[in-house]
Amino acid sequence: TKLSTGADLVKWSPDGKMIAFTSGVYPECKDERVQQ
């Protein structure tokens, strides 16, 4: 990942092809640039 909002709580998909994670964001900001 390369997010200015960071990442946490990693989980693999059952087939191991994808991951899911959480990222703390400001709800009112709609894209990465505004978050940053």
PDB file of all heavy atoms in Angstrom:
ATOM      1  N   THR A   1       0.845  -1.196   0.000  1.00  0.00           N
ATOM      2  CA  THR A   1       0.000   0.000   0.000  1.00  0.00           C
ATOM      3  C   THR A   1       0.878   1.244   0.000  1.00  0.00           C
ATOM      4  O   THR A   1       1.997   1.216   0.488  1.00  0.00           O
ATOM      5  CB  THR A   1      -0.916   0.046   1.243  1.00  0.00           C
ATOM      6  OG1 THR A   1      -0.107   0.105   2.419  1.00  0.00           O
ATOM      7  CG2 THR A   1      -1.831  -1.154   1.302  1.00  0.00           C
ATOM      8  N   LYS A   2       0.322   2.323  -0.580  1.00  0.00           N
ATOM      9  CA  LYS A   2       1.007   3.619  -0.593  1.00  0.00           C
ATOM     10  C   LYS A   2      -0.034   4.705  -0.335  1.00  0.00           C
ATOM     11  O   LYS A   2      -0.278   5.548  -1.168  1.00  0.00           O
ATOM     12  CB  LYS A   2       1.682   3.857  -1.940  1.00  0.00           C
ATOM     13  CG  LYS A   2       2.795   2.891  -2.235  1.00  0.00           C
ATOM     14  CD  LYS A   2       3.414   3.164  -3.590  1.00  0.00           C
ATOM     15  CE  LYS A   2       4.491   2.139  -3.875  1.00  0.00           C
ATOM     16  NZ  LYS A   2       5.066   2.296  -5.193  1.00  0.00           N
ATOM     17  N   LEU A   3      -0.647   4.653   0.832  1.00  0.00           N
ATOM     18  CA  LEU A   3      -1.692   5.606   1.171  1.00  0.00           C
ATOM     19  C   LEU A   3      -1.209   6.580   2.229  1.00  0.00           C
ATOM     20  O   LEU A   3      -0.607   6.165   3.215  1.00  0.00           O
ATOM     21  CB  LEU A   3      -2.922   4.866   1.719  1.00  0.00           C
ATOM     22  CG  LEU A   3      -3.620   3.912   0.765  1.00  0.00           C
ATOM     23  CD1 LEU A   3      -4.645   3.091   1.522  1.00  0.00           C
ATOM     24  CD2 LEU A   3      -4.278   4.694  -0.347  1.00  0.00           C
ATOM     25  N   SER A   4      -1.507   7.850   2.048  1.00  0.00           N
ATOM     26  CA  SER A   4      -1.137   8.830   3.073  1.00  0.00           C
ATOM     27  C   SER A   4      -1.949   8.602   4.341  1.00  0.00           C
ATOM     28  O   SER A   4      -1.567   9.056   5.416  1.00  0.00           O
ATOM     29  CB  SER A   4      -1.358  10.245   2.552  1.00  0.00           C
ATOM     30  OG  SER A   4      -2.736  10.493   2.365  1.00  0.00           O
ATOM     31  N   THR A   5      -3.059   7.894   4.236  1.00  0.00           N
ATOM     32  CA  THR A   5      -3.919   7.632   5.388  1.00  0.00           C
ATOM     33  C   THR A   5      -3.517   6.377   6.154  1.00  0.00           C
ATOM     34  O   THR A   5      -4.113   6.054   7.173  1.00  0.00           O
ATOM     35  CB  THR A   5      -5.383   7.495   4.935  1.00  0.00           C
ATOM     36  OG1 THR A   5      -5.461   6.489   3.929  1.00  0.00           O
ATOM     37  CG2 THR A   5      -5.909   8.810   4.400  1.00  0.00           C
ATOM     38  N   GLY A   6      -2.510   5.660   5.686  1.00  0.00           N
ATOM     39  CA  GLY A   6      -2.028   4.487   6.394  1.00  0.00           C
ATOM     40  C   GLY A   6      -2.903   3.271   6.192  1.00  0.00           C
ATOM     41  O   GLY A   6      -3.881   3.297   5.448  1.00  0.00           O
ATOM     42  N   ALA A   7      -2.551   2.183   6.858  1.00  0.00           N
ATOM     43  CA  ALA A   7      -3.291   0.925   6.733  1.00  0.00           C
ATOM     44  C   ALA A   7      -3.123   0.110   8.006  1.00  0.00           C
ATOM     45  O   ALA A   7      -2.125   0.236   8.711  1.00  0.00           O
ATOM     46  CB  ALA A   7      -2.783   0.142   5.531  1.00  0.00           C
ATOM     47  N   ASP A   8      -4.094  -0.740   8.259  1.00  0.00           N
ATOM     48  CA  ASP A   8      -4.080  -1.578   9.454  1.00  0.00           C
ATOM     49  C   ASP A   8      -5.008  -2.770   9.222  1.00  0.00           C
ATOM     50  O   ASP A   8      -5.731  -2.820   8.228  1.00  0.00           O
ATOM     51  CB  ASP A   8      -4.543  -0.758  10.660  1.00  0.00           C
ATOM     52  CG  ASP A   8      -4.102  -1.350  11.989  1.00  0.00           C
ATOM     53  OD1 ASP A   8      -3.365  -2.353  11.994  1.00  0.00           O
ATOM     54  OD2 ASP A   8      -4.484  -0.797  13.023  1.00  0.00           O
ATOM     55  N   LEU A   9      -5.018  -3.718  10.141  1.00  0.00           N
ATOM     56  CA  LEU A   9      -5.932  -4.857  10.151  1.00  0.00           C
ATOM     57  C   LEU A   9      -5.970  -5.604   8.810  1.00  0.00           C
ATOM     58  O   LEU A   9      -6.982  -5.649   8.130  1.00  0.00           O
ATOM     59  CB  LEU A   9      -7.340  -4.416  10.552  1.00  0.00           C
ATOM     60  CG  LEU A   9      -7.459  -3.745  11.913  1.00  0.00           C
ATOM     61  CD1 LEU A   9      -8.871  -3.225  12.123  1.00  0.00           C
ATOM     62  CD2 LEU A   9      -7.057  -4.676  13.024  1.00  0.00           C
ATOM     63  N   VAL A  10      -4.886  -6.226   8.440  1.00  0.00           N
ATOM     64  CA  VAL A  10      -4.746  -6.914   7.160  1.00  0.00           C
ATOM     65  C   VAL A  10      -5.423  -8.281   7.194  1.00  0.00           C
ATOM     66  O   VAL A  10      -5.271  -9.031   8.146  1.00  0.00           O
ATOM     67  CB  VAL A  10      -3.252  -7.110   6.814  1.00  0.00           C
ATOM     68  CG1 VAL A  10      -3.091  -7.809   5.487  1.00  0.00           C
ATOM     69  CG2 VAL A  10      -2.538  -5.787   6.826  1.00  0.00           C
ATOM     70  N   LYS A  11      -6.162  -8.607   6.120  1.00  0.00           N
ATOM     71  CA  LYS A  11      -6.785  -9.920   5.946  1.00  0.00           C
ATOM     72  C   LYS A  11      -6.589 -10.370   4.507  1.00  0.00           C
ATOM     73  O   LYS A  11      -6.733  -9.582   3.576  1.00  0.00           O
ATOM     74  CB  LYS A  11      -8.295  -9.874   6.233  1.00  0.00           C
ATOM     75  CG  LYS A  11      -8.649  -9.455   7.627  1.00  0.00           C
ATOM     76  CD  LYS A  11      -8.324 -10.532   8.623  1.00  0.00           C
ATOM     77  CE  LYS A  11      -8.743 -10.090  10.019  1.00  0.00           C
ATOM     78  NZ  LYS A  11      -8.112 -10.806  11.063  1.00  0.00           N
ATOM     79  N   TRP A  12      -6.248 -11.637   4.313  1.00  0.00           N
ATOM     80  CA  TRP A  12      -6.106 -12.219   2.972  1.00  0.00           C
ATOM     81  C   TRP A  12      -7.469 -12.707   2.472  1.00  0.00           C
ATOM     82  O   TRP A  12      -8.290 -13.173   3.251  1.00  0.00           O
ATOM     83  CB  TRP A  12      -5.165 -13.417   3.002  1.00  0.00           C
ATOM     84  CG  TRP A  12      -3.731 -13.082   3.161  1.00  0.00           C
ATOM     85  CD1 TRP A  12      -3.026 -13.051   4.328  1.00  0.00           C
ATOM     86  CD2 TRP A  12      -2.804 -12.750   2.130  1.00  0.00           C
ATOM     87  NE1 TRP A  12      -1.721 -12.712   4.084  1.00  0.00           N
ATOM     88  CE2 TRP A  12      -1.558 -12.528   2.731  1.00  0.00           C
ATOM     89  CE3 TRP A  12      -2.913 -12.619   0.746  1.00  0.00           C
ATOM     90  CZ2 TRP A  12      -0.425 -12.183   2.013  1.00  0.00           C
ATOM     91  CZ3 TRP A  12      -1.782 -12.277   0.022  1.00  0.00           C
ATOM     92  CH2 TRP A  12      -0.561 -12.056   0.652  1.00  0.00           C
ATOM     93  N   SER A  13      -7.671 -12.668   1.153  1.00  0.00           N
ATOM     94  CA  SER A  13      -8.845 -13.314   0.565  1.00  0.00           C
ATOM     95  C   SER A  13      -8.618 -14.822   0.632  1.00  0.00           C
ATOM     96  O   SER A  13      -7.464 -15.274   0.717  1.00  0.00           O
ATOM     97  CB  SER A  13      -9.042 -12.857  -0.882  1.00  0.00           C
ATOM     98  OG  SER A  13      -7.964 -13.280  -1.692  1.00  0.00           O
ATOM     99  N   PRO A  14      -9.669 -15.632   0.592  1.00  0.00           N
ATOM    100  CA  PRO A  14      -9.504 -17.085   0.690  1.00  0.00           C
ATOM    101  C   PRO A  14      -8.567 -17.690  -0.357  1.00  0.00           C
ATOM    102  O   PRO A  14      -7.869 -18.668  -0.086  1.00  0.00           O
ATOM    103  CB  PRO A  14     -10.924 -17.622   0.527  1.00  0.00           C
ATOM    104  CG  PRO A  14     -11.798 -16.506   1.010  1.00  0.00           C
ATOM    105  CD  PRO A  14     -11.080 -15.246   0.591  1.00  0.00           C
ATOM    106  N   ASP A  15      -8.522 -17.090  -1.567  1.00  0.00           N
ATOM    107  CA  ASP A  15      -7.634 -17.632  -2.602  1.00  0.00           C
ATOM    108  C   ASP A  15      -6.230 -17.029  -2.561  1.00  0.00           C
ATOM    109  O   ASP A  15      -5.358 -17.428  -3.324  1.00  0.00           O
ATOM    110  CB  ASP A  15      -8.241 -17.443  -3.992  1.00  0.00           C
ATOM    111  CG  ASP A  15      -8.421 -15.977  -4.381  1.00  0.00           C
ATOM    112  OD1 ASP A  15      -7.999 -15.072  -3.617  1.00  0.00           O
ATOM    113  OD2 ASP A  15      -8.985 -15.731  -5.463  1.00  0.00           O
ATOM    114  N   GLY A  16      -5.989 -16.057  -1.668  1.00  0.00           N
ATOM    115  CA  GLY A  16      -4.672 -15.454  -1.518  1.00  0.00           C
ATOM    116  C   GLY A  16      -4.294 -14.466  -2.604  1.00  0.00           C
ATOM    117  O   GLY A  16      -3.161 -13.990  -2.643  1.00  0.00           O
ATOM    118  N   LYS A  17      -5.235 -14.085  -3.458  1.00  0.00           N
ATOM    119  CA  LYS A  17      -4.927 -13.167  -4.555  1.00  0.00           C
ATOM    120  C   LYS A  17      -5.127 -11.705  -4.181  1.00  0.00           C
ATOM    121  O   LYS A  17      -4.629 -10.819  -4.864  1.00  0.00           O
ATOM    122  CB  LYS A  17      -5.786 -13.498  -5.779  1.00  0.00           C
ATOM    123  CG  LYS A  17      -5.438 -14.837  -6.390  1.00  0.00           C
ATOM    124  CD  LYS A  17      -6.278 -15.112  -7.603  1.00  0.00           C
ATOM    125  CE  LYS A  17      -5.910 -16.464  -8.202  1.00  0.00           C
ATOM    126  NZ  LYS A  17      -6.728 -16.751  -9.386  1.00  0.00           N
ATOM    127  N   MET A  18      -5.874 -11.448  -3.100  1.00  0.00           N
ATOM    128  CA  MET A  18      -6.155 -10.072  -2.692  1.00  0.00           C
ATOM    129  C   MET A  18      -6.011  -9.949  -1.176  1.00  0.00           C
ATOM    130  O   MET A  18      -6.032 -10.949  -0.468  1.00  0.00           O
ATOM    131  CB  MET A  18      -7.577  -9.677  -3.091  1.00  0.00           C
ATOM    132  CG  MET A  18      -7.803  -9.637  -4.578  1.00  0.00           C
ATOM    133  SD  MET A  18      -9.467  -9.058  -4.993  1.00  0.00           S
ATOM    134  CE  MET A  18     -10.447 -10.486  -4.576  1.00  0.00           C
ATOM    135  N   ILE A  19      -5.853  -8.700  -0.734  1.00  0.00           N
ATOM    136  CA  ILE A  19      -5.871  -8.419   0.699  1.00  0.00           C
ATOM    137  C   ILE A  19      -6.911  -7.337   0.960  1.00  0.00           C
ATOM    138  O   ILE A  19      -7.232  -6.546   0.079  1.00  0.00           O
ATOM    139  CB  ILE A  19      -4.503  -7.958   1.243  1.00  0.00           C
ATOM    140  CG1 ILE A  19      -4.035  -6.672   0.543  1.00  0.00           C
ATOM    141  CG2 ILE A  19      -3.469  -9.061   1.149  1.00  0.00           C
ATOM    142  CD1 ILE A  19      -2.909  -5.969   1.247  1.00  0.00           C
ATOM    143  N   ALA A  20      -7.409  -7.334   2.168  1.00  0.00           N
ATOM    144  CA  ALA A  20      -8.283  -6.258   2.633  1.00  0.00           C
ATOM    145  C   ALA A  20      -7.596  -5.625   3.833  1.00  0.00           C
ATOM    146  O   ALA A  20      -6.846  -6.297   4.548  1.00  0.00           O
ATOM    147  CB  ALA A  20      -9.649  -6.815   3.023  1.00  0.00           C
ATOM    148  N   PHE A  21      -7.809  -4.342   4.043  1.00  0.00           N
ATOM    149  CA  PHE A  21      -7.222  -3.647   5.179  1.00  0.00           C
ATOM    150  C   PHE A  21      -8.080  -2.445   5.511  1.00  0.00           C
ATOM    151  O   PHE A  21      -8.918  -2.031   4.711  1.00  0.00           O
ATOM    152  CB  PHE A  21      -5.779  -3.218   4.899  1.00  0.00           C
ATOM    153  CG  PHE A  21      -5.645  -2.308   3.719  1.00  0.00           C
ATOM    154  CD1 PHE A  21      -5.736  -0.929   3.874  1.00  0.00           C
ATOM    155  CD2 PHE A  21      -5.419  -2.823   2.452  1.00  0.00           C
ATOM    156  CE1 PHE A  21      -5.613  -0.077   2.783  1.00  0.00           C
ATOM    157  CE2 PHE A  21      -5.295  -1.979   1.356  1.00  0.00           C
ATOM    158  CZ  PHE A  21      -5.397  -0.606   1.528  1.00  0.00           C
ATOM    159  N   THR A  22      -7.882  -1.906   6.688  1.00  0.00           N
ATOM    160  CA  THR A  22      -8.581  -0.682   7.061  1.00  0.00           C
ATOM    161  C   THR A  22      -7.629   0.498   6.917  1.00  0.00           C
ATOM    162  O   THR A  22      -6.416   0.334   6.943  1.00  0.00           O
ATOM    163  CB  THR A  22      -9.085  -0.743   8.521  1.00  0.00           C
ATOM    164  OG1 THR A  22      -7.965  -0.892   9.387  1.00  0.00           O
ATOM    165  CG2 THR A  22     -10.058  -1.890   8.713  1.00  0.00           C
ATOM    166  N   SER A  23      -8.209   1.669   6.736  1.00  0.00           N
ATOM    167  CA  SER A  23      -7.421   2.891   6.652  1.00  0.00           C
ATOM    168  C   SER A  23      -8.251   4.018   7.245  1.00  0.00           C
ATOM    169  O   SER A  23      -9.420   4.176   6.883  1.00  0.00           O
ATOM    170  CB  SER A  23      -7.065   3.196   5.198  1.00  0.00           C
ATOM    171  OG  SER A  23      -6.263   4.352   5.111  1.00  0.00           O
ATOM    172  N   GLY A  24      -7.667   4.756   8.165  1.00  0.00           N
ATOM    173  CA  GLY A  24      -8.382   5.864   8.796  1.00  0.00           C
ATOM    174  C   GLY A  24      -8.470   7.049   7.851  1.00  0.00           C
ATOM    175  O   GLY A  24      -7.456   7.577   7.413  1.00  0.00           O
ATOM    176  N   VAL A  25      -9.682   7.442   7.523  1.00  0.00           N
ATOM    177  CA  VAL A  25      -9.893   8.556   6.603  1.00  0.00           C
ATOM    178  C   VAL A  25     -10.831   9.582   7.225  1.00  0.00           C
ATOM    179  O   VAL A  25     -11.599   9.267   8.130  1.00  0.00           O
ATOM    180  CB  VAL A  25     -10.468   8.087   5.248  1.00  0.00           C
ATOM    181  CG1 VAL A  25      -9.508   7.146   4.550  1.00  0.00           C
ATOM    182  CG2 VAL A  25     -11.827   7.428   5.432  1.00  0.00           C
ATOM    183  N   TYR A  26     -10.770  10.803   6.724  1.00  0.00           N
ATOM    184  CA  TYR A  26     -11.734  11.816   7.106  1.00  0.00           C
ATOM    185  C   TYR A  26     -12.968  11.582   6.241  1.00  0.00           C
ATOM    186  O   TYR A  26     -12.875  11.632   5.009  1.00  0.00           O
ATOM    187  CB  TYR A  26     -11.179  13.217   6.855  1.00  0.00           C
ATOM    188  CG  TYR A  26      -9.938  13.532   7.652  1.00  0.00           C
ATOM    189  CD1 TYR A  26      -8.680  13.497   7.066  1.00  0.00           C
ATOM    190  CD2 TYR A  26     -10.031  13.854   9.000  1.00  0.00           C
ATOM    191  CE1 TYR A  26      -7.542  13.780   7.801  1.00  0.00           C
ATOM    192  CE2 TYR A  26      -8.904  14.140   9.746  1.00  0.00           C
ATOM    193  CZ  TYR A  26      -7.654  14.101   9.132  1.00  0.00           C
ATOM    194  OH  TYR A  26      -6.544  14.382   9.863  1.00  0.00           O
ATOM    195  N   PRO A  27     -14.126  11.325   6.831  1.00  0.00           N
ATOM    196  CA  PRO A  27     -15.314  10.989   6.036  1.00  0.00           C
ATOM    197  C   PRO A  27     -15.702  12.056   5.012  1.00  0.00           C
ATOM    198  O   PRO A  27     -16.218  11.730   3.951  1.00  0.00           O
ATOM    199  CB  PRO A  27     -16.420  10.836   7.089  1.00  0.00           C
ATOM    200  CG  PRO A  27     -15.712  10.572   8.363  1.00  0.00           C
ATOM    201  CD  PRO A  27     -14.390  11.272   8.264  1.00  0.00           C
ATOM    202  N   GLU A  28     -15.428  13.311   5.325  1.00  0.00           N
ATOM    203  CA  GLU A  28     -15.813  14.382   4.404  1.00  0.00           C
ATOM    204  C   GLU A  28     -14.860  14.533   3.220  1.00  0.00           C
ATOM    205  O   GLU A  28     -15.164  15.234   2.253  1.00  0.00           O
ATOM    206  CB  GLU A  28     -15.938  15.716   5.157  1.00  0.00           C
ATOM    207  CG  GLU A  28     -14.627  16.281   5.666  1.00  0.00           C
ATOM    208  CD  GLU A  28     -14.174  15.740   7.034  1.00  0.00           C
ATOM    209  OE1 GLU A  28     -14.738  14.762   7.525  1.00  0.00           O
ATOM    210  OE2 GLU A  28     -13.218  16.312   7.584  1.00  0.00           O
ATOM    211  N   CYS A  29     -13.706  13.907   3.243  1.00  0.00           N
ATOM    212  CA  CYS A  29     -12.724  14.004   2.157  1.00  0.00           C
ATOM    213  C   CYS A  29     -12.920  12.829   1.204  1.00  0.00           C
ATOM    214  O   CYS A  29     -12.865  11.682   1.617  1.00  0.00           O
ATOM    215  CB  CYS A  29     -11.308  13.996   2.714  1.00  0.00           C
ATOM    216  SG  CYS A  29     -10.968  15.366   3.841  1.00  0.00           S
ATOM    217  N   LYS A  30     -13.127  13.133  -0.054  1.00  0.00           N
ATOM    218  CA  LYS A  30     -13.505  12.093  -1.016  1.00  0.00           C
ATOM    219  C   LYS A  30     -12.350  11.456  -1.788  1.00  0.00           C
ATOM    220  O   LYS A  30     -12.544  10.472  -2.468  1.00  0.00           O
ATOM    221  CB  LYS A  30     -14.524  12.650  -2.013  1.00  0.00           C
ATOM    222  CG  LYS A  30     -15.784  13.175  -1.360  1.00  0.00           C
ATOM    223  CD  LYS A  30     -16.511  12.083  -0.605  1.00  0.00           C
ATOM    224  CE  LYS A  30     -17.777  12.620   0.030  1.00  0.00           C
ATOM    225  NZ  LYS A  30     -18.308  11.776   1.059  1.00  0.00           N
ATOM    226  N   ASP A  31     -11.147  12.016  -1.723  1.00  0.00           N
ATOM    227  CA  ASP A  31     -10.037  11.375  -2.428  1.00  0.00           C
ATOM    228  C   ASP A  31      -8.720  11.544  -1.657  1.00  0.00           C
ATOM    229  O   ASP A  31      -8.647  12.301  -0.688  1.00  0.00           O
ATOM    230  CB  ASP A  31      -9.907  11.872  -3.876  1.00  0.00           C
ATOM    231  CG  ASP A  31      -9.545  13.341  -3.984  1.00  0.00           C
ATOM    232  OD1 ASP A  31      -8.726  13.833  -3.180  1.00  0.00           O
ATOM    233  OD2 ASP A  31     -10.068  14.013  -4.889  1.00  0.00           O
ATOM    234  N   GLU A  32      -7.713  10.836  -2.096  1.00  0.00           N
ATOM    235  CA  GLU A  32      -6.405  10.795  -1.431  1.00  0.00           C
ATOM    236  C   GLU A  32      -5.764  12.176  -1.325  1.00  0.00           C
ATOM    237  O   GLU A  32      -5.194  12.534  -0.306  1.00  0.00           O
ATOM    238  CB  GLU A  32      -5.487   9.837  -2.210  1.00  0.00           C
ATOM    239  CG  GLU A  32      -4.062   9.800  -1.742  1.00  0.00           C
ATOM    240  CD  GLU A  32      -3.852   8.965  -0.485  1.00  0.00           C
ATOM    241  OE1 GLU A  32      -4.791   8.305  -0.041  1.00  0.00           O
ATOM    242  OE2 GLU A  32      -2.736   8.997   0.053  1.00  0.00           O
ATOM    243  N   ARG A  33      -5.864  12.967  -2.385  1.00  0.00           N
ATOM    244  CA  ARG A  33      -5.244  14.296  -2.396  1.00  0.00           C
ATOM    245  C   ARG A  33      -5.845  15.194  -1.321  1.00  0.00           C
ATOM    246  O   ARG A  33      -5.131  15.899  -0.601  1.00  0.00           O
ATOM    247  CB  ARG A  33      -5.420  14.921  -3.786  1.00  0.00           C
ATOM    248  CG  ARG A  33      -4.775  16.269  -3.962  1.00  0.00           C
ATOM    249  CD  ARG A  33      -5.047  16.859  -5.348  1.00  0.00           C
ATOM    250  NE  ARG A  33      -6.445  16.886  -5.713  1.00  0.00           N
ATOM    251  CZ  ARG A  33      -7.346  17.778  -5.256  1.00  0.00           C
ATOM    252  NH1 ARG A  33      -6.964  18.728  -4.432  1.00  0.00           N
ATOM    253  NH2 ARG A  33      -8.600  17.734  -5.648  1.00  0.00           N
ATOM    254  N   VAL A  34      -7.164  15.160  -1.159  1.00  0.00           N
ATOM    255  CA  VAL A  34      -7.831  15.988  -0.156  1.00  0.00           C
ATOM    256  C   VAL A  34      -7.495  15.483   1.252  1.00  0.00           C
ATOM    257  O   VAL A  34      -7.282  16.279   2.173  1.00  0.00           O
ATOM    258  CB  VAL A  34      -9.364  16.000  -0.393  1.00  0.00           C
ATOM    259  CG1 VAL A  34     -10.083  16.809   0.666  1.00  0.00           C
ATOM    260  CG2 VAL A  34      -9.675  16.549  -1.781  1.00  0.00           C
ATOM    261  N   GLN A  35      -7.423  14.162   1.423  1.00  0.00           N
ATOM    262  CA  GLN A  35      -7.025  13.584   2.705  1.00  0.00           C
ATOM    263  C   GLN A  35      -5.641  14.105   3.112  1.00  0.00           C
ATOM    264  O   GLN A  35      -5.421  14.529   4.238  1.00  0.00           O
ATOM    265  CB  GLN A  35      -6.965  12.050   2.620  1.00  0.00           C
ATOM    266  CG  GLN A  35      -8.259  11.362   2.353  1.00  0.00           C
ATOM    267  CD  GLN A  35      -9.101  11.186   3.601  1.00  0.00           C
ATOM    268  OE1 GLN A  35      -8.623  11.246   4.723  1.00  0.00           O
ATOM    269  NE2 GLN A  35     -10.383  10.978   3.401  1.00  0.00           N
ATOM    270  N   GLN A  36      -4.715  14.032   2.160  1.00  0.00           N
ATOM    271  CA  GLN A  36      -3.338  14.447   2.420  1.00  0.00           C
ATOM    272  C   GLN A  36      -3.267  15.942   2.738  1.00  0.00           C
ATOM    273  O   GLN A  36      -2.551  16.354   3.654  1.00  0.00           O
ATOM    274  CB  GLN A  36      -2.469  14.110   1.222  1.00  0.00           C
ATOM    275  CG  GLN A  36      -1.006  14.142   1.510  1.00  0.00           C
ATOM    276  CD  GLN A  36      -0.198  13.506   0.399  1.00  0.00           C
ATOM    277  OE1 GLN A  36      -0.702  13.147  -0.659  1.00  0.00           O
ATOM    278  NE2 GLN A  36       1.086  13.359   0.628  1.00  0.00           N
TER     279      GLN A  36
END
